[in-house]
Amino acid sequence: PEALHSPVFNFTKHPSTSSFTVSAQTYSLKDPGKDYDYVASALVFDSDTSMRPRILLIQRSSSDIMPNLWEVPGGGVDDDDKSILHAVARELWEEAGLTAAKIECLVGTPHIFAVRSGKEFCKFTFLVEVEQTSDERLKVKLDPKEHQKFVWATEGQLIAGKVGNVELEFTSWELERIILEAFSVRKQICLKQSQTPMAAMGKWARGLVKLTQQAVYQII
């Protein structure tokens, strides 16, 4: 999908991301001694309830820089992006055709790196929940000019460096580390959500239904 056809982004956000609700220009004022270009990326899992969560990985085009290497959706924060979080949502839409529903949290710490020209970049990587289709599937749509393939990888596959017959070689070791950390962060979030009063009530209700079914079966 091209930027001109991007939807209006109405995602929600976790309070921990409040410092990223400003533009790149405003954010840069926090560190006036540095002249960074900012990069924002999205870590997307395929299901909130899967016992074996899988994360979205996309492979760079063979004709682009860093050809055939793997990464997650993301890119530079533009001057006209309303905020750094909006840049995350825009890049996710442009590179994977997915719409951000909630930007959960920053994973790891900002990654500072430099390219050969000496230009320095500051990269933020966020855990993002996306909108699902009516059949609860995430339909990835790549821009063939930038990416040629995508896979959903489990933590074990990531550690093994292989999904089926597909070898995973990433754009940087730092990205690979952040992706692995995302699995731990997601587990912590899911654990907290399971301990909320609403989740406890749902668990109690399911237990009651099970007991009722067992009682009916015994009567029959």
Protein backbone atom coordinates (compact mmCIF):
# COMPACT_ATOMS: atom_id res chain seq x y z
CA PRO A 1 0.00 0.00 0.00
CA GLU A 2 1.27 3.44 -0.84
CA ALA A 3 1.44 6.29 1.65
CA LEU A 4 -1.16 8.31 -0.31
CA HIS A 5 -3.76 5.66 0.48
CA SER A 6 -2.91 5.27 4.14
CA PRO A 7 -5.95 5.11 6.43
CA VAL A 8 -6.62 7.53 9.23
CA PHE A 9 -4.86 5.96 12.19
CA ASN A 10 -7.01 5.72 15.32
CA PHE A 11 -4.85 3.42 17.41
CA THR A 12 -4.81 3.46 21.18
CA LYS A 13 -1.57 3.53 23.14
CA HIS A 14 -0.14 2.36 26.43
CA PRO A 15 0.70 5.16 28.91
CA SER A 16 4.36 4.12 28.81
CA THR A 17 4.57 5.42 25.23
CA SER A 18 3.53 8.98 26.13
CA SER A 19 6.97 10.43 25.37
CA PHE A 20 6.58 9.27 21.75
CA THR A 21 3.29 11.08 21.13
CA VAL A 22 5.21 14.07 19.76
CA SER A 23 6.83 14.73 16.41
CA ALA A 24 10.46 13.83 15.71
CA GLN A 25 11.32 17.54 15.77
CA THR A 26 9.85 17.97 19.25
CA TYR A 27 11.37 14.75 20.54
CA SER A 28 14.82 15.85 19.36
CA LEU A 29 14.66 18.84 21.71
CA LYS A 30 15.16 16.41 24.59
CA ASP A 31 18.74 15.89 23.45
CA PRO A 32 19.82 19.14 21.75
CA GLY A 33 23.43 18.01 21.47
CA LYS A 34 22.54 15.25 19.03
CA ASP A 35 21.37 15.35 15.43
CA TYR A 36 19.68 12.01 14.98
CA ASP A 37 17.41 10.80 12.22
CA TYR A 38 14.70 8.72 13.88
CA VAL A 39 13.51 5.26 12.85
CA ALA A 40 10.40 3.48 14.14
CA SER A 41 9.54 -0.21 13.80
CA ALA A 42 6.68 -2.53 14.74
CA LEU A 43 6.76 -5.97 16.37
CA VAL A 44 3.54 -7.80 15.47
CA PHE A 45 2.34 -11.17 16.78
CA ASP A 46 -0.26 -13.20 14.92
CA SER A 47 -2.52 -14.00 17.88
CA ASP A 48 -3.13 -12.82 21.44
CA THR A 49 -4.27 -16.27 22.56
CA SER A 50 -1.89 -18.64 20.77
CA MET A 51 0.08 -21.02 22.97
CA ARG A 52 2.93 -20.68 20.47
CA PRO A 53 2.93 -17.02 19.45
CA ARG A 54 4.50 -16.13 16.15
CA ILE A 55 6.03 -12.83 15.12
CA LEU A 56 5.93 -11.22 11.68
CA LEU A 57 9.23 -11.05 9.79
CA ILE A 58 9.67 -9.57 6.30
CA GLN A 59 12.48 -10.11 3.83
CA ARG A 60 14.04 -7.19 2.01
CA SER A 61 13.91 -7.07 -1.76
CA SER A 62 16.84 -8.56 -3.65
CA SER A 63 17.25 -5.25 -5.51
CA ASP A 64 17.26 -3.02 -2.41
CA ILE A 65 20.06 -2.20 0.00
CA MET A 66 20.81 -5.06 2.40
CA PRO A 67 19.22 -7.46 -0.11
CA ASN A 68 17.42 -10.60 1.10
CA LEU A 69 17.96 -9.86 4.80
CA TRP A 70 15.13 -10.13 7.30
CA GLU A 71 13.61 -7.41 9.48
CA VAL A 72 10.32 -6.19 10.92
CA PRO A 73 8.09 -3.47 9.42
CA GLY A 74 9.54 -0.03 10.00
CA GLY A 75 11.35 2.95 8.57
CA GLY A 76 12.28 6.57 8.97
CA VAL A 77 10.10 9.00 10.90
CA ASP A 78 9.00 11.68 8.41
CA ASP A 79 8.79 15.38 9.18
CA ASP A 80 5.07 15.34 8.46
CA ASP A 81 4.34 12.40 10.78
CA LYS A 82 2.08 13.67 13.56
CA SER A 83 4.14 11.76 16.10
CA ILE A 84 6.70 8.99 16.37
CA LEU A 85 3.83 6.59 17.15
CA HIS A 86 2.04 7.69 13.98
CA ALA A 87 5.24 6.91 12.08
CA VAL A 88 5.09 3.35 13.48
CA ALA A 89 1.49 2.98 12.30
CA ARG A 90 2.26 4.46 8.87
CA GLU A 91 5.29 2.24 8.28
CA LEU A 92 3.34 -0.84 9.38
CA TRP A 93 0.62 0.00 6.88
CA GLU A 94 3.00 0.83 4.03
CA GLU A 95 5.23 -2.21 4.46
CA ALA A 96 2.79 -4.91 5.58
CA GLY A 97 -0.71 -3.61 4.86
CA LEU A 98 -1.65 -3.95 8.54
CA THR A 99 -3.49 -1.33 10.60
CA ALA A 100 -2.27 -0.62 14.13
CA ALA A 101 -4.98 -1.03 16.78
CA LYS A 102 -2.81 -0.44 19.86
CA ILE A 103 0.82 0.48 20.37
CA GLU A 104 1.66 -1.41 23.51
CA CYS A 105 5.19 -0.48 24.61
CA LEU A 106 8.77 0.18 23.59
CA VAL A 107 10.77 -3.05 23.49
CA GLY A 108 14.35 -2.73 24.67
CA THR A 109 16.07 0.65 24.64
CA PRO A 110 16.50 3.12 21.76
CA HIS A 111 19.18 1.79 19.43
CA ILE A 112 21.76 4.34 18.32
CA PHE A 113 23.76 3.49 15.22
CA ALA A 114 25.69 5.21 12.44
CA VAL A 115 26.05 4.55 8.73
CA ARG A 116 29.18 4.90 6.61
CA SER A 117 28.52 8.57 5.91
CA GLY A 118 28.73 9.21 9.64
CA LYS A 119 25.04 10.06 9.97
CA GLU A 120 23.58 8.84 13.27
CA PHE A 121 20.19 7.23 13.71
CA CYS A 122 18.06 6.50 16.74
CA LYS A 123 15.70 3.54 16.35
CA PHE A 124 12.61 2.78 18.44
CA THR A 125 10.92 -0.62 18.24
CA PHE A 126 7.39 -1.03 19.59
CA LEU A 127 5.12 -3.97 20.32
CA VAL A 128 1.97 -3.37 18.26
CA GLU A 129 -1.45 -5.01 18.20
CA VAL A 130 -3.15 -4.84 14.81
CA GLU A 131 -6.72 -4.87 13.57
CA GLN A 132 -7.97 -8.26 12.45
CA THR A 133 -10.28 -9.14 9.59
CA SER A 134 -13.70 -10.67 10.16
CA ASP A 135 -12.18 -14.16 10.01
CA GLU A 136 -9.60 -13.13 12.66
CA ARG A 137 -6.67 -13.52 10.30
CA LEU A 138 -3.90 -11.04 9.68
CA LYS A 139 -3.57 -10.51 5.96
CA VAL A 140 -0.10 -9.22 5.18
CA LYS A 141 0.35 -7.28 1.96
CA LEU A 142 3.93 -6.42 1.03
CA ASP A 143 5.22 -3.69 -1.23
CA PRO A 144 7.28 -5.73 -3.75
CA LYS A 145 9.61 -2.79 -4.31
CA GLU A 146 10.79 -3.11 -0.72
CA HIS A 147 10.06 -6.66 0.45
CA GLN A 148 9.72 -10.00 -1.28
CA LYS A 149 8.53 -12.47 1.36
CA PHE A 150 7.13 -12.73 4.88
CA VAL A 151 6.99 -15.46 7.51
CA TRP A 152 5.46 -15.91 10.94
CA ALA A 153 8.18 -17.24 13.26
CA THR A 154 7.96 -18.82 16.71
CA GLU A 155 10.55 -18.13 19.37
CA GLY A 156 12.09 -21.53 18.75
CA GLN A 157 12.36 -20.92 15.02
CA LEU A 158 13.93 -17.55 15.66
CA ILE A 159 16.57 -19.11 17.89
CA ALA A 160 17.20 -21.83 15.30
CA GLY A 161 17.46 -19.20 12.57
CA LYS A 162 15.09 -21.07 10.30
CA VAL A 163 11.38 -21.26 9.47
CA GLY A 164 10.79 -24.44 7.51
CA ASN A 165 13.27 -24.24 4.65
CA VAL A 166 13.69 -20.48 4.99
CA GLU A 167 16.95 -19.30 6.52
CA LEU A 168 16.71 -16.19 8.69
CA GLU A 169 19.56 -13.71 8.39
CA PHE A 170 18.74 -10.34 9.91
CA THR A 171 19.77 -6.81 9.05
CA SER A 172 21.56 -6.56 12.41
CA TRP A 173 22.26 -8.60 15.52
CA GLU A 174 20.60 -5.83 17.56
CA LEU A 175 17.32 -6.33 15.72
CA GLU A 176 17.48 -10.07 16.29
CA ARG A 177 18.02 -9.46 20.01
CA ILE A 178 15.06 -7.06 20.17
CA ILE A 179 12.79 -9.56 18.39
CA LEU A 180 13.70 -12.27 20.89
CA GLU A 181 13.08 -9.85 23.76
CA ALA A 182 9.62 -9.15 22.33
CA PHE A 183 8.56 -12.71 23.12
CA SER A 184 9.39 -12.18 26.80
CA VAL A 185 7.64 -8.80 26.86
CA ARG A 186 4.53 -10.29 25.29
CA LYS A 187 4.45 -13.11 27.85
CA GLN A 188 4.59 -10.58 30.67
CA ILE A 189 1.76 -8.54 29.16
CA CYS A 190 -0.42 -11.64 28.65
CA LEU A 191 0.24 -12.71 32.24
CA LYS A 192 -0.83 -9.32 33.61
CA GLN A 193 -3.95 -9.33 31.46
CA SER A 194 -4.90 -12.81 32.73
CA GLN A 195 -4.76 -11.49 36.31
CA THR A 196 -7.21 -8.60 35.80
CA PRO A 197 -10.66 -8.78 37.49
CA MET A 198 -12.37 -9.16 34.12
CA ALA A 199 -10.12 -12.04 33.13
CA ALA A 200 -10.66 -13.67 36.53
CA MET A 201 -14.43 -13.33 36.10
CA GLY A 202 -14.19 -14.92 32.65
CA LYS A 203 -12.18 -17.80 34.09
CA TRP A 204 -14.74 -18.24 36.88
CA ALA A 205 -17.61 -18.24 34.35
CA ARG A 206 -15.91 -20.84 32.19
CA GLY A 207 -15.37 -22.99 35.28
CA LEU A 208 -19.04 -22.65 36.22
CA VAL A 209 -20.14 -23.70 32.74
CA LYS A 210 -17.86 -26.72 32.92
CA LEU A 211 -19.25 -27.75 36.32
CA THR A 212 -22.81 -27.33 35.06
CA GLN A 213 -22.10 -29.48 32.03
CA GLN A 214 -20.61 -32.17 34.26
CA ALA A 215 -23.64 -32.06 36.56
CA VAL A 216 -26.06 -32.39 33.63
CA TYR A 217 -24.03 -35.31 32.28
CA GLN A 218 -24.22 -37.09 35.67
CA ILE A 219 -28.00 -36.58 35.85
CA ILE A 220 -28.42 -37.99 32.37
